[in-house]
Amino acid sequence: MERCPTCKAKYKGKPVCHRCKTDLSLLIKIEKDAAMHLQKAYQAFEEGDYEDMFFNARRSCSLRQLPGAKKMLACAAILTRRYKNAITLYGLS
């Protein structure tokens, strides 16, 4: 998160916006969970567990569009033979 979604003040890394006092803790948790699931997807790929890779990549994308998450999900879709999902993710349809 770069800015507060309420007042657009620059995010300073605290759970409450310094300007408008909006509670940002839930958004911070969502971002951390998305990053955790993306990391689990990478680990599952290294272990050859493509179903787990697909699950974690999909979960990461559903929480927040992190860099590389959509490509990871598309790769996991191919590896688990979900070709329609992969085509849709890559925007080829």
C-alpha atoms as a PDB file:
ATOM      1  CA  MET A   1       0.000   0.000   0.000  1.00  0.00           C
ATOM      2  CA  GLU A   2       1.431   3.309  -1.035  1.00  0.00           C
ATOM      3  CA  ARG A   3      -1.387   5.600   0.018  1.00  0.00           C
ATOM      4  CA  CYS A   4      -4.312   5.643   2.413  1.00  0.00           C
ATOM      5  CA  PRO A   5      -7.428   4.556   0.499  1.00  0.00           C
ATOM      6  CA  THR A   6      -9.530   7.127   2.369  1.00  0.00           C
ATOM      7  CA  CYS A   7      -7.579  10.380   2.164  1.00  0.00           C
ATOM      8  CA  LYS A   8      -4.717   9.427  -0.208  1.00  0.00           C
ATOM      9  CA  ALA A   9      -2.045  10.447   2.310  1.00  0.00           C
ATOM     10  CA  LYS A  10       1.305   8.721   1.854  1.00  0.00           C
ATOM     11  CA  TYR A  11       1.397   5.450   3.794  1.00  0.00           C
ATOM     12  CA  LYS A  12       3.926   5.619   6.631  1.00  0.00           C
ATOM     13  CA  GLY A  13       3.900   1.940   7.658  1.00  0.00           C
ATOM     14  CA  LYS A  14       1.623   2.331  10.658  1.00  0.00           C
ATOM     15  CA  PRO A  15      -1.729   0.590  11.268  1.00  0.00           C
ATOM     16  CA  VAL A  16      -3.568   3.948  11.415  1.00  0.00           C
ATOM     17  CA  CYS A  17      -3.376   6.727   8.819  1.00  0.00           C
ATOM     18  CA  HIS A  18      -1.478   9.696  10.215  1.00  0.00           C
ATOM     19  CA  ARG A  19      -3.806  12.166   8.502  1.00  0.00           C
ATOM     20  CA  CYS A  20      -7.388  10.831   8.698  1.00  0.00           C
ATOM     21  CA  LYS A  21      -6.928   8.137  11.392  1.00  0.00           C
ATOM     22  CA  THR A  22      -8.423   5.382   9.218  1.00  0.00           C
ATOM     23  CA  ASP A  23      -7.679   1.913  10.578  1.00  0.00           C
ATOM     24  CA  LEU A  24      -5.456   0.272   7.954  1.00  0.00           C
ATOM     25  CA  SER A  25      -4.717  -2.924   9.877  1.00  0.00           C
ATOM     26  CA  LEU A  26      -7.103  -5.098   7.842  1.00  0.00           C
ATOM     27  CA  LEU A  27      -5.598  -3.894   4.559  1.00  0.00           C
ATOM     28  CA  ILE A  28      -2.109  -4.543   5.897  1.00  0.00           C
ATOM     29  CA  LYS A  29      -3.144  -8.081   6.857  1.00  0.00           C
ATOM     30  CA  ILE A  30      -4.615  -8.692   3.406  1.00  0.00           C
ATOM     31  CA  GLU A  31      -1.377  -7.585   1.745  1.00  0.00           C
ATOM     32  CA  LYS A  32       0.692  -9.822   4.028  1.00  0.00           C
ATOM     33  CA  ASP A  33      -1.614 -12.792   3.393  1.00  0.00           C
ATOM     34  CA  ALA A  34      -1.403 -12.259  -0.376  1.00  0.00           C
ATOM     35  CA  ALA A  35       2.395 -12.202  -0.199  1.00  0.00           C
ATOM     36  CA  MET A  36       2.413 -15.315   2.007  1.00  0.00           C
ATOM     37  CA  HIS A  37       0.206 -17.251  -0.438  1.00  0.00           C
ATOM     38  CA  LEU A  38       2.381 -16.186  -3.356  1.00  0.00           C
ATOM     39  CA  GLN A  39       5.458 -17.424  -1.501  1.00  0.00           C
ATOM     40  CA  LYS A  40       3.680 -20.727  -0.775  1.00  0.00           C
ATOM     41  CA  ALA A  41       2.879 -21.022  -4.485  1.00  0.00           C
ATOM     42  CA  TYR A  42       6.585 -20.642  -5.321  1.00  0.00           C
ATOM     43  CA  GLN A  43       7.460 -23.285  -2.713  1.00  0.00           C
ATOM     44  CA  ALA A  44       4.818 -25.665  -4.050  1.00  0.00           C
ATOM     45  CA  PHE A  45       6.236 -25.215  -7.556  1.00  0.00           C
ATOM     46  CA  GLU A  46       9.725 -26.099  -6.335  1.00  0.00           C
ATOM     47  CA  GLU A  47       8.297 -29.200  -4.640  1.00  0.00           C
ATOM     48  CA  GLY A  48       6.293 -30.209  -7.714  1.00  0.00           C
ATOM     49  CA  ASP A  49       2.946 -29.888  -5.930  1.00  0.00           C
ATOM     50  CA  TYR A  50       1.064 -28.115  -8.706  1.00  0.00           C
ATOM     51  CA  GLU A  51      -2.395 -28.389  -7.133  1.00  0.00           C
ATOM     52  CA  ASP A  52      -1.125 -26.571  -4.044  1.00  0.00           C
ATOM     53  CA  MET A  53       0.652 -24.114  -6.312  1.00  0.00           C
ATOM     54  CA  PHE A  54      -2.631 -23.379  -8.106  1.00  0.00           C
ATOM     55  CA  PHE A  55      -4.547 -23.018  -4.829  1.00  0.00           C
ATOM     56  CA  ASN A  56      -2.046 -20.587  -3.295  1.00  0.00           C
ATOM     57  CA  ALA A  57      -1.558 -18.560  -6.483  1.00  0.00           C
ATOM     58  CA  ARG A  58      -5.334 -18.228  -6.885  1.00  0.00           C
ATOM     59  CA  ARG A  59      -5.683 -17.216  -3.252  1.00  0.00           C
ATOM     60  CA  SER A  60      -2.931 -14.623  -3.607  1.00  0.00           C
ATOM     61  CA  CYS A  61      -4.591 -13.138  -6.701  1.00  0.00           C
ATOM     62  CA  SER A  62      -7.963 -13.039  -4.990  1.00  0.00           C
ATOM     63  CA  LEU A  63      -6.526 -11.029  -2.112  1.00  0.00           C
ATOM     64  CA  ARG A  64      -4.339  -8.580  -4.042  1.00  0.00           C
ATOM     65  CA  GLN A  65      -2.748  -8.341  -7.482  1.00  0.00           C
ATOM     66  CA  LEU A  66       0.908  -8.609  -6.512  1.00  0.00           C
ATOM     67  CA  PRO A  67       3.586  -8.476  -9.216  1.00  0.00           C
ATOM     68  CA  GLY A  68       4.019 -11.931 -10.697  1.00  0.00           C
ATOM     69  CA  ALA A  69       0.965 -13.460  -9.017  1.00  0.00           C
ATOM     70  CA  LYS A  70      -1.143 -13.554 -12.178  1.00  0.00           C
ATOM     71  CA  LYS A  71       1.670 -15.193 -14.155  1.00  0.00           C
ATOM     72  CA  MET A  72       2.188 -17.697 -11.347  1.00  0.00           C
ATOM     73  CA  LEU A  73      -1.509 -18.526 -11.436  1.00  0.00           C
ATOM     74  CA  ALA A  74      -1.448 -18.941 -15.219  1.00  0.00           C
ATOM     75  CA  CYS A  75       1.558 -21.283 -14.971  1.00  0.00           C
ATOM     76  CA  ALA A  76      -0.157 -23.261 -12.226  1.00  0.00           C
ATOM     77  CA  ALA A  77      -3.285 -23.502 -14.397  1.00  0.00           C
ATOM     78  CA  ILE A  78      -1.224 -24.982 -17.227  1.00  0.00           C
ATOM     79  CA  LEU A  79       0.540 -27.427 -14.911  1.00  0.00           C
ATOM     80  CA  THR A  80      -2.808 -28.603 -13.506  1.00  0.00           C
ATOM     81  CA  ARG A  81      -4.348 -28.833 -17.001  1.00  0.00           C
ATOM     82  CA  ARG A  82      -6.766 -25.953 -16.478  1.00  0.00           C
ATOM     83  CA  TYR A  83      -6.102 -24.599 -19.942  1.00  0.00           C
ATOM     84  CA  LYS A  84      -9.155 -22.315 -20.180  1.00  0.00           C
ATOM     85  CA  ASN A  85      -8.070 -20.585 -16.981  1.00  0.00           C
ATOM     86  CA  ALA A  86      -4.541 -20.134 -18.337  1.00  0.00           C
ATOM     87  CA  ILE A  87      -5.790 -18.657 -21.608  1.00  0.00           C
ATOM     88  CA  THR A  88      -8.081 -16.256 -19.763  1.00  0.00           C
ATOM     89  CA  LEU A  89      -5.293 -15.187 -17.395  1.00  0.00           C
ATOM     90  CA  TYR A  90      -2.900 -14.501 -20.237  1.00  0.00           C
ATOM     91  CA  GLY A  91      -5.615 -12.580 -22.077  1.00  0.00           C
ATOM     92  CA  LEU A  92      -5.490 -14.719 -25.192  1.00  0.00           C
ATOM     93  CA  SER A  93      -9.228 -15.249 -25.507  1.00  0.00           C
END
